Protein backbone atom coordinates (compact mmCIF):
# COMPACT_ATOMS: atom_id res chain seq x y z
CA MET A 1 -39.11 -25.63 -7.08
CA VAL A 2 -42.21 -27.34 -5.64
CA ALA A 3 -43.83 -27.42 -9.08
CA LYS A 4 -40.75 -29.13 -10.50
CA LYS A 5 -40.86 -31.83 -7.78
CA LEU A 6 -44.56 -32.37 -8.38
CA MET A 7 -43.88 -32.76 -12.09
CA VAL A 8 -41.29 -35.43 -11.28
CA LEU A 9 -43.91 -37.27 -9.17
CA TYR A 10 -46.43 -36.88 -12.00
CA LYS A 11 -44.03 -38.39 -14.54
CA MET A 12 -43.15 -41.23 -12.17
CA SER A 13 -46.85 -41.90 -11.64
CA LYS A 14 -47.49 -41.99 -15.37
CA LYS A 15 -44.60 -44.38 -15.88
CA ALA A 16 -45.40 -46.71 -12.99
CA LEU A 17 -49.19 -46.60 -12.73
CA ILE A 18 -51.31 -44.92 -15.38
CA ASP A 19 -49.68 -44.04 -18.68
CA ASP A 20 -52.48 -41.80 -19.96
CA GLN A 21 -53.10 -39.97 -16.67
CA THR A 22 -54.00 -36.28 -17.03
CA HIS A 23 -52.80 -33.52 -14.73
CA ASP A 24 -56.28 -33.36 -13.15
CA GLU A 25 -56.35 -37.11 -12.55
CA PHE A 26 -52.89 -36.96 -11.00
CA ALA A 27 -53.93 -34.06 -8.75
CA ASP A 28 -56.95 -36.07 -7.59
CA ALA A 29 -54.88 -39.21 -6.92
CA TYR A 30 -52.21 -37.11 -5.17
CA ALA A 31 -54.78 -35.50 -2.86
CA GLN A 32 -56.44 -38.83 -2.09
CA THR A 33 -53.10 -40.52 -1.34
CA LEU A 34 -52.03 -37.63 0.88
CA THR A 35 -55.31 -37.73 2.80
CA TYR A 36 -55.37 -41.51 3.15
CA GLY A 37 -51.73 -41.62 4.21
CA LEU A 38 -52.10 -38.96 6.88
CA LEU A 39 -55.28 -40.56 8.19
CA SER A 40 -53.63 -43.99 8.33
CA ALA A 41 -50.52 -42.69 10.06
CA ARG A 42 -52.63 -40.74 12.55
CA TRP A 43 -54.71 -43.80 13.34
CA ILE A 44 -51.62 -45.93 13.90
CA SER A 45 -50.01 -43.22 16.06
CA ILE A 46 -52.87 -43.06 18.58
CA ASP A 47 -51.13 -45.39 21.06
CA ASP A 48 -48.06 -43.16 21.20
CA PHE A 49 -50.28 -40.21 21.95
CA LEU A 50 -52.27 -41.99 24.63
CA GLU A 51 -49.26 -43.60 26.31
CA LYS A 52 -46.47 -41.06 25.78
CA LYS A 53 -48.35 -37.88 24.84
CA ILE A 54 -46.39 -37.67 21.59
CA ARG A 55 -48.27 -35.34 19.29
CA PHE A 56 -48.85 -36.35 15.70
CA THR A 57 -47.28 -34.07 13.09
CA ARG A 58 -46.80 -34.47 9.38
CA GLU A 59 -43.07 -34.79 9.99
CA ARG A 60 -43.67 -37.71 12.36
CA ALA A 61 -46.07 -39.40 9.95
CA LEU A 62 -43.17 -41.29 8.36
CA ASN A 63 -42.64 -43.13 11.66
CA TYR A 64 -46.11 -44.67 11.52
CA PHE A 65 -46.41 -46.21 8.07
CA PRO A 66 -46.41 -49.99 8.35
CA PRO A 67 -43.69 -51.99 6.56
CA SER A 68 -46.45 -53.46 4.41
CA SER A 69 -46.89 -50.02 2.82
CA PRO A 70 -43.56 -49.00 1.27
CA PHE A 71 -45.36 -46.91 -1.36
CA LEU A 72 -46.83 -44.59 1.28
CA LYS A 73 -43.48 -44.17 2.99
CA GLN A 74 -41.79 -43.32 -0.33
CA PHE A 75 -44.64 -41.02 -1.32
CA PHE A 76 -44.52 -39.10 1.95
CA SER A 77 -40.74 -38.91 1.90
CA ALA A 78 -41.04 -37.17 -1.47
CA VAL A 79 -43.94 -34.94 -0.37
CA LEU A 80 -42.23 -33.80 2.82
CA MET A 81 -39.10 -32.90 0.87
CA ALA A 82 -41.14 -30.74 -1.56
């Protein structure tokens, strides 16, 4: 099931971004996007932790993506559902 969802993301990536992207290139881009997104969300969430002691989790990451980054929010919505 997870492999099927990743294949859908791979095909969407090929269609929207890089037509001749290999599986290895997709895996690299996927890992980099996942890492960058989690780091960004964690950085933005620091005030909630300091003020309200709300712990950062991957499930809460969606709450911290800025409106200027709809791609990351869509990406993480898909990743968290996988």
